[in-house]
C-alpha atoms as a PDB file:
ATOM      1  CA  MET A   1     -17.066  24.732  80.175  1.00  0.00           C
ATOM      2  CA  ILE A   2     -17.098  21.762  77.545  1.00  0.00           C
ATOM      3  CA  GLY A   3     -15.142  22.264  74.461  1.00  0.00           C
ATOM      4  CA  GLY A   4     -14.359  25.431  75.248  1.00  0.00           C
ATOM      5  CA  VAL A   5     -17.587  26.827  75.538  1.00  0.00           C
ATOM      6  CA  HIS A   6     -19.236  29.251  77.687  1.00  0.00           C
ATOM      7  CA  PRO A   7     -21.798  28.076  80.706  1.00  0.00           C
ATOM      8  CA  ALA A   8     -24.997  29.612  79.003  1.00  0.00           C
ATOM      9  CA  GLN A   9     -28.775  28.441  79.612  1.00  0.00           C
ATOM     10  CA  ASP A  10     -29.938  26.106  77.285  1.00  0.00           C
ATOM     11  CA  ASN A  11     -31.763  28.081  74.409  1.00  0.00           C
ATOM     12  CA  GLN A  12     -33.662  25.112  73.199  1.00  0.00           C
ATOM     13  CA  GLU A  13     -36.438  25.571  75.186  1.00  0.00           C
ATOM     14  CA  SER A  14     -37.110  28.955  73.968  1.00  0.00           C
ATOM     15  CA  GLN A  15     -36.493  28.257  70.258  1.00  0.00           C
ATOM     16  CA  ASN A  16     -39.694  29.653  68.075  1.00  0.00           C
ATOM     17  CA  GLU A  17     -41.761  26.972  65.905  1.00  0.00           C
ATOM     18  CA  SER A  18     -40.488  28.557  62.843  1.00  0.00           C
ATOM     19  CA  ASP A  19     -36.917  27.759  63.801  1.00  0.00           C
ATOM     20  CA  ARG A  20     -37.954  24.370  63.906  1.00  0.00           C
ATOM     21  CA  PRO A  21     -36.124  21.270  61.583  1.00  0.00           C
ATOM     22  CA  GLY A  22     -38.625  21.522  58.435  1.00  0.00           C
ATOM     23  CA  SER A  23     -39.539  24.772  58.607  1.00  0.00           C
ATOM     24  CA  LEU A  24     -39.671  27.654  56.121  1.00  0.00           C
ATOM     25  CA  LYS A  25     -37.170  29.568  57.868  1.00  0.00           C
ATOM     26  CA  HIS A  26     -34.900  26.565  59.323  1.00  0.00           C
ATOM     27  CA  ARG A  27     -34.692  25.580  55.327  1.00  0.00           C
ATOM     28  CA  LEU A  28     -33.510  28.907  54.765  1.00  0.00           C
ATOM     29  CA  TRP A  29     -31.565  28.491  57.303  1.00  0.00           C
ATOM     30  CA  GLU A  30     -29.455  26.047  56.188  1.00  0.00           C
ATOM     31  CA  ILE A  31     -29.131  27.125  52.910  1.00  0.00           C
ATOM     32  CA  VAL A  32     -28.065  30.197  53.489  1.00  0.00           C
ATOM     33  CA  PHE A  33     -25.354  29.555  56.869  1.00  0.00           C
ATOM     34  CA  GLU A  34     -24.751  26.023  55.740  1.00  0.00           C
ATOM     35  CA  ALA A  35     -23.160  24.326  51.946  1.00  0.00           C
ATOM     36  CA  GLU A  36     -23.941  21.023  53.610  1.00  0.00           C
ATOM     37  CA  THR A  37     -26.985  20.520  51.373  1.00  0.00           C
ATOM     38  CA  PRO A  38     -27.080  21.079  47.089  1.00  0.00           C
ATOM     39  CA  ALA A  39     -29.181  24.109  47.865  1.00  0.00           C
ATOM     40  CA  GLY A  40     -26.887  25.744  50.197  1.00  0.00           C
ATOM     41  CA  LYS A  41     -24.111  24.983  48.239  1.00  0.00           C
ATOM     42  CA  PHE A  42     -25.790  26.216  45.170  1.00  0.00           C
ATOM     43  CA  PHE A  43     -26.848  29.230  47.143  1.00  0.00           C
ATOM     44  CA  ASP A  44     -23.032  30.319  48.296  1.00  0.00           C
ATOM     45  CA  ILE A  45     -21.224  28.850  44.599  1.00  0.00           C
ATOM     46  CA  ALA A  46     -23.730  31.358  42.854  1.00  0.00           C
ATOM     47  CA  LEU A  47     -22.835  34.316  45.781  1.00  0.00           C
ATOM     48  CA  LEU A  48     -19.285  34.129  45.192  1.00  0.00           C
ATOM     49  CA  TYR A  49     -19.779  34.524  41.178  1.00  0.00           C
ATOM     50  CA  LEU A  50     -22.131  37.483  42.141  1.00  0.00           C
ATOM     51  CA  ILE A  51     -19.049  39.075  44.672  1.00  0.00           C
ATOM     52  CA  ALA A  52     -17.138  38.469  41.656  1.00  0.00           C
ATOM     53  CA  ALA A  53     -18.758  40.115  38.579  1.00  0.00           C
ATOM     54  CA  SER A  54     -19.321  43.375  41.556  1.00  0.00           C
ATOM     55  CA  VAL A  55     -15.847  44.038  42.033  1.00  0.00           C
ATOM     56  CA  LEU A  56     -15.090  43.311  38.272  1.00  0.00           C
ATOM     57  CA  ALA A  57     -17.645  45.863  37.819  1.00  0.00           C
ATOM     58  CA  VAL A  58     -16.226  48.126  40.002  1.00  0.00           C
ATOM     59  CA  MET A  59     -12.398  48.096  38.919  1.00  0.00           C
ATOM     60  CA  LEU A  60     -13.774  48.542  35.278  1.00  0.00           C
ATOM     61  CA  GLU A  61     -15.994  51.358  36.094  1.00  0.00           C
ATOM     62  CA  SER A  62     -12.426  53.339  36.230  1.00  0.00           C
ATOM     63  CA  VAL A  63     -11.561  52.834  33.345  1.00  0.00           C
ATOM     64  CA  ASP A  64     -12.016  55.472  31.449  1.00  0.00           C
ATOM     65  CA  ALA A  65     -12.610  53.567  27.830  1.00  0.00           C
ATOM     66  CA  VAL A  66     -15.019  51.552  29.555  1.00  0.00           C
ATOM     67  CA  GLU A  67     -16.796  54.111  31.548  1.00  0.00           C
ATOM     68  CA  VAL A  68     -17.664  56.445  28.648  1.00  0.00           C
ATOM     69  CA  GLN A  69     -19.409  53.395  26.247  1.00  0.00           C
ATOM     70  CA  TYR A  70     -20.981  51.263  29.079  1.00  0.00           C
ATOM     71  CA  GLY A  71     -20.739  53.643  32.365  1.00  0.00           C
ATOM     72  CA  THR A  72     -25.232  53.704  32.791  1.00  0.00           C
ATOM     73  CA  LEU A  73     -25.129  49.762  32.031  1.00  0.00           C
ATOM     74  CA  LEU A  74     -21.813  48.896  34.714  1.00  0.00           C
ATOM     75  CA  ILE A  75     -24.158  51.413  37.582  1.00  0.00           C
ATOM     76  CA  ILE A  76     -27.271  49.455  36.516  1.00  0.00           C
ATOM     77  CA  PHE A  77     -25.452  45.941  37.556  1.00  0.00           C
ATOM     78  CA  GLU A  78     -23.905  47.710  40.367  1.00  0.00           C
ATOM     79  CA  TRP A  79     -27.808  48.280  41.808  1.00  0.00           C
ATOM     80  CA  ILE A  80     -28.905  45.199  40.685  1.00  0.00           C
ATOM     81  CA  PHE A  81     -25.867  43.639  43.234  1.00  0.00           C
ATOM     82  CA  THR A  82     -26.516  46.047  45.994  1.00  0.00           C
ATOM     83  CA  ILE A  83     -30.410  45.210  46.118  1.00  0.00           C
ATOM     84  CA  ILE A  84     -29.230  41.305  46.474  1.00  0.00           C
ATOM     85  CA  PHE A  85     -26.247  41.613  49.331  1.00  0.00           C
ATOM     86  CA  THR A  86     -28.879  44.167  50.608  1.00  0.00           C
ATOM     87  CA  LEU A  87     -31.610  41.528  50.427  1.00  0.00           C
ATOM     88  CA  GLU A  88     -28.750  38.837  51.314  1.00  0.00           C
ATOM     89  CA  TYR A  89     -27.775  40.428  54.545  1.00  0.00           C
ATOM     90  CA  VAL A  90     -31.246  41.635  55.621  1.00  0.00           C
ATOM     91  CA  LEU A  91     -32.409  38.026  55.357  1.00  0.00           C
ATOM     92  CA  ARG A  92     -29.234  36.302  57.469  1.00  0.00           C
ATOM     93  CA  ILE A  93     -30.248  38.630  59.617  1.00  0.00           C
ATOM     94  CA  TRP A  94     -33.938  37.425  60.093  1.00  0.00           C
ATOM     95  CA  LEU A  95     -32.253  34.019  60.150  1.00  0.00           C
ATOM     96  CA  VAL A  96     -30.259  34.474  63.305  1.00  0.00           C
ATOM     97  CA  ARG A  97     -31.877  34.370  66.798  1.00  0.00           C
ATOM     98  CA  ARG A  98     -29.577  36.785  67.882  1.00  0.00           C
ATOM     99  CA  PRO A  99     -29.067  39.482  65.342  1.00  0.00           C
ATOM    100  CA  ALA A 100     -27.065  41.710  67.366  1.00  0.00           C
ATOM    101  CA  ASN A 101     -23.805  39.478  67.458  1.00  0.00           C
ATOM    102  CA  TYR A 102     -24.068  38.239  63.454  1.00  0.00           C
ATOM    103  CA  ILE A 103     -24.071  42.048  62.587  1.00  0.00           C
ATOM    104  CA  PHE A 104     -21.066  43.041  64.883  1.00  0.00           C
ATOM    105  CA  SER A 105     -18.762  39.841  63.427  1.00  0.00           C
ATOM    106  CA  PHE A 106     -16.028  40.076  61.445  1.00  0.00           C
ATOM    107  CA  TYR A 107     -18.318  38.942  58.073  1.00  0.00           C
ATOM    108  CA  GLY A 108     -21.089  40.966  59.806  1.00  0.00           C
ATOM    109  CA  LEU A 109     -19.622  43.879  59.883  1.00  0.00           C
ATOM    110  CA  VAL A 110     -18.180  43.315  55.572  1.00  0.00           C
ATOM    111  CA  ASP A 111     -21.536  42.004  54.710  1.00  0.00           C
ATOM    112  CA  LEU A 112     -22.580  45.253  55.334  1.00  0.00           C
ATOM    113  CA  MET A 113     -20.301  46.879  54.212  1.00  0.00           C
ATOM    114  CA  SER A 114     -19.944  45.312  50.987  1.00  0.00           C
ATOM    115  CA  CYS A 115     -24.039  46.880  51.018  1.00  0.00           C
ATOM    116  CA  LEU A 116     -23.164  50.548  52.108  1.00  0.00           C
ATOM    117  CA  PRO A 117     -20.695  52.277  48.899  1.00  0.00           C
ATOM    118  CA  SER A 118     -23.626  52.648  46.645  1.00  0.00           C
ATOM    119  CA  TYR A 119     -25.623  54.083  48.946  1.00  0.00           C
ATOM    120  CA  LEU A 120     -23.190  56.420  49.922  1.00  0.00           C
ATOM    121  CA  ALA A 121     -22.382  56.846  46.639  1.00  0.00           C
ATOM    122  CA  LEU A 122     -25.530  58.821  46.722  1.00  0.00           C
ATOM    123  CA  ILE A 123     -24.639  61.711  49.187  1.00  0.00           C
ATOM    124  CA  PHE A 124     -20.350  61.098  48.535  1.00  0.00           C
ATOM    125  CA  ALA A 125     -19.146  60.628  44.696  1.00  0.00           C
ATOM    126  CA  GLY A 126     -16.983  58.081  44.466  1.00  0.00           C
ATOM    127  CA  SER A 127     -18.057  56.149  47.756  1.00  0.00           C
ATOM    128  CA  SER A 128     -18.763  53.308  44.790  1.00  0.00           C
ATOM    129  CA  HIS A 129     -15.506  52.233  44.367  1.00  0.00           C
ATOM    130  CA  PHE A 130     -15.058  51.307  47.808  1.00  0.00           C
ATOM    131  CA  ALA A 131     -17.464  48.022  46.848  1.00  0.00           C
ATOM    132  CA  VAL A 132     -14.542  46.392  46.169  1.00  0.00           C
ATOM    133  CA  ILE A 133     -14.554  45.508  50.158  1.00  0.00           C
ATOM    134  CA  ARG A 134     -16.400  42.649  48.830  1.00  0.00           C
ATOM    135  CA  LEU A 135     -13.398  40.417  48.042  1.00  0.00           C
ATOM    136  CA  LEU A 136     -13.544  40.052  51.634  1.00  0.00           C
ATOM    137  CA  ARG A 137     -16.877  38.115  51.477  1.00  0.00           C
ATOM    138  CA  LEU A 138     -14.825  35.228  49.284  1.00  0.00           C
ATOM    139  CA  LEU A 139     -13.218  34.011  51.969  1.00  0.00           C
ATOM    140  CA  ARG A 140     -16.783  32.005  52.701  1.00  0.00           C
ATOM    141  CA  MET A 141     -14.926  30.282  49.767  1.00  0.00           C
ATOM    142  CA  PHE A 142     -12.966  28.025  51.833  1.00  0.00           C
ATOM    143  CA  ARG A 143     -15.549  26.349  54.153  1.00  0.00           C
ATOM    144  CA  ILE A 144     -17.846  26.570  51.555  1.00  0.00           C
ATOM    145  CA  LEU A 145     -15.658  24.770  49.163  1.00  0.00           C
ATOM    146  CA  LYS A 146     -15.181  22.715  52.216  1.00  0.00           C
ATOM    147  CA  MET A 147     -11.371  23.309  52.629  1.00  0.00           C
ATOM    148  CA  VAL A 148     -11.561  22.673  56.205  1.00  0.00           C
ATOM    149  CA  GLY A 149      -7.875  22.667  56.269  1.00  0.00           C
ATOM    150  CA  HIS A 150      -7.455  25.743  54.596  1.00  0.00           C
ATOM    151  CA  VAL A 151     -10.303  27.691  57.154  1.00  0.00           C
ATOM    152  CA  ARG A 152      -8.255  26.346  60.352  1.00  0.00           C
ATOM    153  CA  GLY A 153      -5.143  28.233  58.862  1.00  0.00           C
ATOM    154  CA  ALA A 154      -7.152  31.214  58.021  1.00  0.00           C
ATOM    155  CA  ASN A 155      -8.156  31.152  62.087  1.00  0.00           C
ATOM    156  CA  THR A 156      -4.890  30.582  62.876  1.00  0.00           C
ATOM    157  CA  ILE A 157      -3.447  33.092  61.177  1.00  0.00           C
ATOM    158  CA  MET A 158      -6.383  35.547  62.422  1.00  0.00           C
ATOM    159  CA  ARG A 159      -6.220  34.180  66.048  1.00  0.00           C
ATOM    160  CA  GLY A 160      -2.206  34.802  66.455  1.00  0.00           C
ATOM    161  CA  LEU A 161      -2.374  38.570  65.150  1.00  0.00           C
ATOM    162  CA  ALA A 162      -4.876  39.444  67.737  1.00  0.00           C
ATOM    163  CA  ALA A 163      -3.105  37.194  70.527  1.00  0.00           C
ATOM    164  CA  SER A 164      -0.018  39.338  69.726  1.00  0.00           C
ATOM    165  CA  ARG A 165      -1.546  42.449  68.878  1.00  0.00           C
ATOM    166  CA  ALA A 166      -0.459  44.043  72.358  1.00  0.00           C
ATOM    167  CA  LYS A 167       3.302  43.162  72.186  1.00  0.00           C
ATOM    168  CA  ILE A 168       3.028  44.200  68.358  1.00  0.00           C
ATOM    169  CA  THR A 169       1.479  47.419  69.987  1.00  0.00           C
ATOM    170  CA  VAL A 170       4.873  48.235  72.379  1.00  0.00           C
ATOM    171  CA  PHE A 171       6.868  47.189  69.349  1.00  0.00           C
ATOM    172  CA  PHE A 172       4.887  50.348  67.085  1.00  0.00           C
ATOM    173  CA  PHE A 173       5.057  52.844  69.758  1.00  0.00           C
ATOM    174  CA  ALA A 174       8.648  51.995  70.547  1.00  0.00           C
ATOM    175  CA  MET A 175       9.755  52.117  67.023  1.00  0.00           C
ATOM    176  CA  ILE A 176       7.718  55.711  66.636  1.00  0.00           C
ATOM    177  CA  ILE A 177       9.681  56.947  69.197  1.00  0.00           C
ATOM    178  CA  PHE A 178      13.130  55.680  67.920  1.00  0.00           C
ATOM    179  CA  ALA A 179      12.206  57.397  64.526  1.00  0.00           C
ATOM    180  CA  MET A 180      11.544  60.526  65.979  1.00  0.00           C
ATOM    181  CA  ILE A 181      14.924  60.578  67.603  1.00  0.00           C
ATOM    182  CA  ALA A 182      16.582  59.246  64.872  1.00  0.00           C
ATOM    183  CA  GLY A 183      14.579  62.058  62.542  1.00  0.00           C
ATOM    184  CA  THR A 184      15.783  64.913  64.921  1.00  0.00           C
ATOM    185  CA  LEU A 185      19.041  63.737  64.468  1.00  0.00           C
ATOM    186  CA  MET A 186      19.305  64.327  60.872  1.00  0.00           C
ATOM    187  CA  TYR A 187      17.491  67.640  61.087  1.00  0.00           C
ATOM    188  CA  ILE A 188      20.015  69.048  63.058  1.00  0.00           C
ATOM    189  CA  VAL A 189      23.027  67.615  61.340  1.00  0.00           C
ATOM    190  CA  GLU A 190      21.351  68.067  57.698  1.00  0.00           C
ATOM    191  CA  SER A 191      19.615  71.522  58.235  1.00  0.00           C
ATOM    192  CA  ASN A 192      22.791  73.161  58.622  1.00  0.00           C
ATOM    193  CA  VAL A 193      23.947  72.611  54.793  1.00  0.00           C
ATOM    194  CA  ALA A 194      25.633  75.010  52.563  1.00  0.00           C
ATOM    195  CA  GLY A 195      23.017  75.465  49.981  1.00  0.00           C
ATOM    196  CA  THR A 196      18.930  74.039  49.713  1.00  0.00           C
ATOM    197  CA  SER A 197      19.145  70.885  52.394  1.00  0.00           C
ATOM    198  CA  ASP A 198      16.350  68.327  52.232  1.00  0.00           C
ATOM    199  CA  PHE A 199      15.893  68.708  55.593  1.00  0.00           C
ATOM    200  CA  THR A 200      13.467  71.016  56.016  1.00  0.00           C
ATOM    201  CA  SER A 201      12.114  70.278  59.215  1.00  0.00           C
ATOM    202  CA  ILE A 202      11.702  68.014  61.971  1.00  0.00           C
ATOM    203  CA  PRO A 203       8.878  65.996  59.930  1.00  0.00           C
ATOM    204  CA  VAL A 204      10.651  65.078  56.996  1.00  0.00           C
ATOM    205  CA  GLY A 205      13.648  64.333  59.306  1.00  0.00           C
ATOM    206  CA  ILE A 206      11.044  61.690  60.938  1.00  0.00           C
ATOM    207  CA  TYR A 207       9.996  60.929  57.375  1.00  0.00           C
ATOM    208  CA  TYR A 208      13.687  60.403  56.261  1.00  0.00           C
ATOM    209  CA  ALA A 209      14.132  57.545  59.064  1.00  0.00           C
ATOM    210  CA  ILE A 210      11.010  55.785  58.595  1.00  0.00           C
ATOM    211  CA  VAL A 211      12.225  55.127  55.357  1.00  0.00           C
ATOM    212  CA  SER A 212      15.280  54.148  56.355  1.00  0.00           C
ATOM    213  CA  ILE A 213      14.604  52.418  59.243  1.00  0.00           C
ATOM    214  CA  THR A 214      12.485  50.274  57.012  1.00  0.00           C
ATOM    215  CA  THR A 215      15.016  50.202  54.212  1.00  0.00           C
ATOM    216  CA  VAL A 216      12.169  51.101  51.717  1.00  0.00           C
ATOM    217  CA  GLY A 217      14.845  53.848  50.614  1.00  0.00           C
ATOM    218  CA  TYR A 218      13.076  56.369  47.877  1.00  0.00           C
ATOM    219  CA  GLY A 219      15.975  58.283  47.489  1.00  0.00           C
ATOM    220  CA  ASP A 220      13.559  61.654  47.499  1.00  0.00           C
ATOM    221  CA  ILE A 221      15.505  62.349  50.328  1.00  0.00           C
ATOM    222  CA  THR A 222      19.399  61.577  51.050  1.00  0.00           C
ATOM    223  CA  ALA A 223      21.800  62.985  53.304  1.00  0.00           C
ATOM    224  CA  HIS A 224      24.741  65.102  52.636  1.00  0.00           C
ATOM    225  CA  THR A 225      27.605  65.081  55.497  1.00  0.00           C
ATOM    226  CA  PRO A 226      29.378  62.477  56.788  1.00  0.00           C
ATOM    227  CA  LEU A 227      27.386  62.546  59.750  1.00  0.00           C
ATOM    228  CA  GLY A 228      24.232  62.168  58.368  1.00  0.00           C
ATOM    229  CA  GLN A 229      25.431  58.881  56.147  1.00  0.00           C
ATOM    230  CA  LEU A 230      26.691  57.464  58.522  1.00  0.00           C
ATOM    231  CA  LEU A 231      23.259  57.808  60.582  1.00  0.00           C
ATOM    232  CA  THR A 232      21.794  56.573  58.155  1.00  0.00           C
ATOM    233  CA  SER A 233      24.368  53.504  58.130  1.00  0.00           C
ATOM    234  CA  LEU A 234      22.498  52.640  61.259  1.00  0.00           C
ATOM    235  CA  MET A 235      19.574  53.009  60.798  1.00  0.00           C
ATOM    236  CA  VAL A 236      18.921  51.034  57.812  1.00  0.00           C
ATOM    237  CA  LEU A 237      21.329  47.807  59.629  1.00  0.00           C
ATOM    238  CA  ALA A 238      19.234  48.195  62.591  1.00  0.00           C
ATOM    239  CA  GLY A 239      15.953  48.391  60.453  1.00  0.00           C
ATOM    240  CA  TYR A 240      17.602  44.739  59.488  1.00  0.00           C
ATOM    241  CA  ALA A 241      18.111  43.846  62.655  1.00  0.00           C
ATOM    242  CA  ILE A 242      13.831  45.142  63.924  1.00  0.00           C
ATOM    243  CA  ILE A 243      12.218  43.516  60.961  1.00  0.00           C
ATOM    244  CA  ALA A 244      12.811  40.333  62.420  1.00  0.00           C
ATOM    245  CA  VAL A 245      10.854  41.395  65.617  1.00  0.00           C
ATOM    246  CA  PRO A 246       7.427  41.190  64.781  1.00  0.00           C
ATOM    247  CA  THR A 247       7.855  38.606  62.739  1.00  0.00           C
ATOM    248  CA  GLY A 248       8.829  36.388  65.734  1.00  0.00           C
ATOM    249  CA  ILE A 249       6.021  38.113  67.795  1.00  0.00           C
ATOM    250  CA  VAL A 250       3.494  36.472  65.388  1.00  0.00           C
ATOM    251  CA  ALA A 251       5.115  33.529  64.356  1.00  0.00           C
ATOM    252  CA  GLY A 252       5.240  32.195  67.966  1.00  0.00           C
ATOM    253  CA  ASP A 253       1.874  33.303  68.770  1.00  0.00           C
ATOM    254  CA  MET A 254       0.667  31.781  65.556  1.00  0.00           C
ATOM    255  CA  VAL A 255       2.777  28.326  66.866  1.00  0.00           C
ATOM    256  CA  ARG A 256       0.667  28.529  70.193  1.00  0.00           C
ATOM    257  CA  GLU A 257      -2.744  28.690  68.164  1.00  0.00           C
ATOM    258  CA  ALA A 258      -1.885  25.993  65.516  1.00  0.00           C
ATOM    259  CA  MET A 259      -2.034  23.394  68.686  1.00  0.00           C
ATOM    260  CA  ARG A 260      -5.175  24.268  68.932  1.00  0.00           C
ATOM    261  CA  PRO A 261      -7.976  20.907  68.630  1.00  0.00           C
ATOM    262  CA  ASP A 262      -9.418  21.341  65.291  1.00  0.00           C
ATOM    263  CA  GLU A 263     -12.663  23.215  64.549  1.00  0.00           C
ATOM    264  CA  THR A 264     -15.344  22.503  62.395  1.00  0.00           C
ATOM    265  CA  SER A 265     -16.973  24.541  59.559  1.00  0.00           C
ATOM    266  CA  ASP A 266     -20.522  24.528  60.922  1.00  0.00           C
ATOM    267  CA  ALA A 267     -22.317  27.609  61.725  1.00  0.00           C
ATOM    268  CA  CYS A 268     -23.787  29.118  65.089  1.00  0.00           C
ATOM    269  CA  PRO A 269     -27.824  29.398  64.372  1.00  0.00           C
ATOM    270  CA  GLY A 270     -27.845  31.766  66.602  1.00  0.00           C
ATOM    271  CA  CYS A 271     -25.172  34.276  65.551  1.00  0.00           C
ATOM    272  CA  GLY A 272     -23.960  32.545  62.283  1.00  0.00           C
ATOM    273  CA  VAL A 273     -20.130  32.421  63.678  1.00  0.00           C
ATOM    274  CA  HIS A 274     -18.271  29.056  62.689  1.00  0.00           C
ATOM    275  CA  GLY A 275     -15.277  27.762  64.271  1.00  0.00           C
ATOM    276  CA  HIS A 276     -16.492  25.577  67.013  1.00  0.00           C
ATOM    277  CA  LEU A 277     -14.697  22.599  68.420  1.00  0.00           C
ATOM    278  CA  ALA A 278     -15.553  19.039  67.731  1.00  0.00           C
ATOM    279  CA  ASP A 279     -17.020  18.500  70.925  1.00  0.00           C
ATOM    280  CA  ALA A 280     -18.893  22.065  71.921  1.00  0.00           C
ATOM    281  CA  ILE A 281     -22.348  22.230  72.787  1.00  0.00           C
ATOM    282  CA  TYR A 282     -22.330  25.681  72.296  1.00  0.00           C
ATOM    283  CA  CYS A 283     -21.402  28.620  70.932  1.00  0.00           C
ATOM    284  CA  ARG A 284     -17.925  30.594  71.557  1.00  0.00           C
ATOM    285  CA  LYS A 285     -19.467  33.715  70.892  1.00  0.00           C
ATOM    286  CA  CYS A 286     -22.529  34.400  71.818  1.00  0.00           C
ATOM    287  CA  GLY A 287     -23.427  30.707  74.275  1.00  0.00           C
ATOM    288  CA  GLU A 288     -26.124  29.829  71.675  1.00  0.00           C
ATOM    289  CA  ARG A 289     -26.856  26.062  71.565  1.00  0.00           C
ATOM    290  CA  LEU A 290     -24.959  24.556  68.851  1.00  0.00           C
ATOM    291  CA  GLN A 291     -27.363  21.225  68.227  1.00  0.00           C
ATOM    292  CA  PRO A 292     -31.044  20.660  68.783  1.00  0.00           C
END
């Protein structure tokens, strides 16, 4: 295994003529997936402007005064953006050698969800507002504008979160158990208060415990008895100590991920995934050969 790549069989010999350098498909690949050429950079920057404009249109549509006066125009623009993004999504699927790997990758799913809201709005009213998810596509700007350091920083964060998911899951369920016990105790203590008690059920007590442990303190429910106030104080103090736990877990994994070797911004011709090591021969996701 070289550069952390998979020992996959060389796919270059089975490459279609349409994928050869100089072919139409290869030129389109460089434009859509790479930002090295003037045409590729123009395509990506134009795409960023379209994404920003489409999100702005969705936001303006939620403003009553704007919607009344320009509602029809905004709908027309939204469908224009949707058609463009749909064609781009289909083009990306056609260009990659392994469409399934691109479709189920992070950016593949984001690209799909960027197209769906308008179509879903034909069935479910209000679904078009979910088009704001297109903002996630702006993450490509770090690669497009050659901010390789930012790309590596984003990869470090994502991999650090992924590496700590098991520990965070255990911590999360431990906090649920703690909140349920504390909420039940608060219900027992506060439910018998003379007059109208805010703690009408155990779920309400659990909600109060979560708000107290996280030190949010909405103030919609309060403890009236001395014992209830003591329990609340202990939960708040415990919350300050508990908040540091997931931060330390994620930070430790991020530090380990930050020690990984530098990565390039080149895209895999098989699935379109970026973030390979400089000496990688095969894609870290699909095993496709990166260089001819």
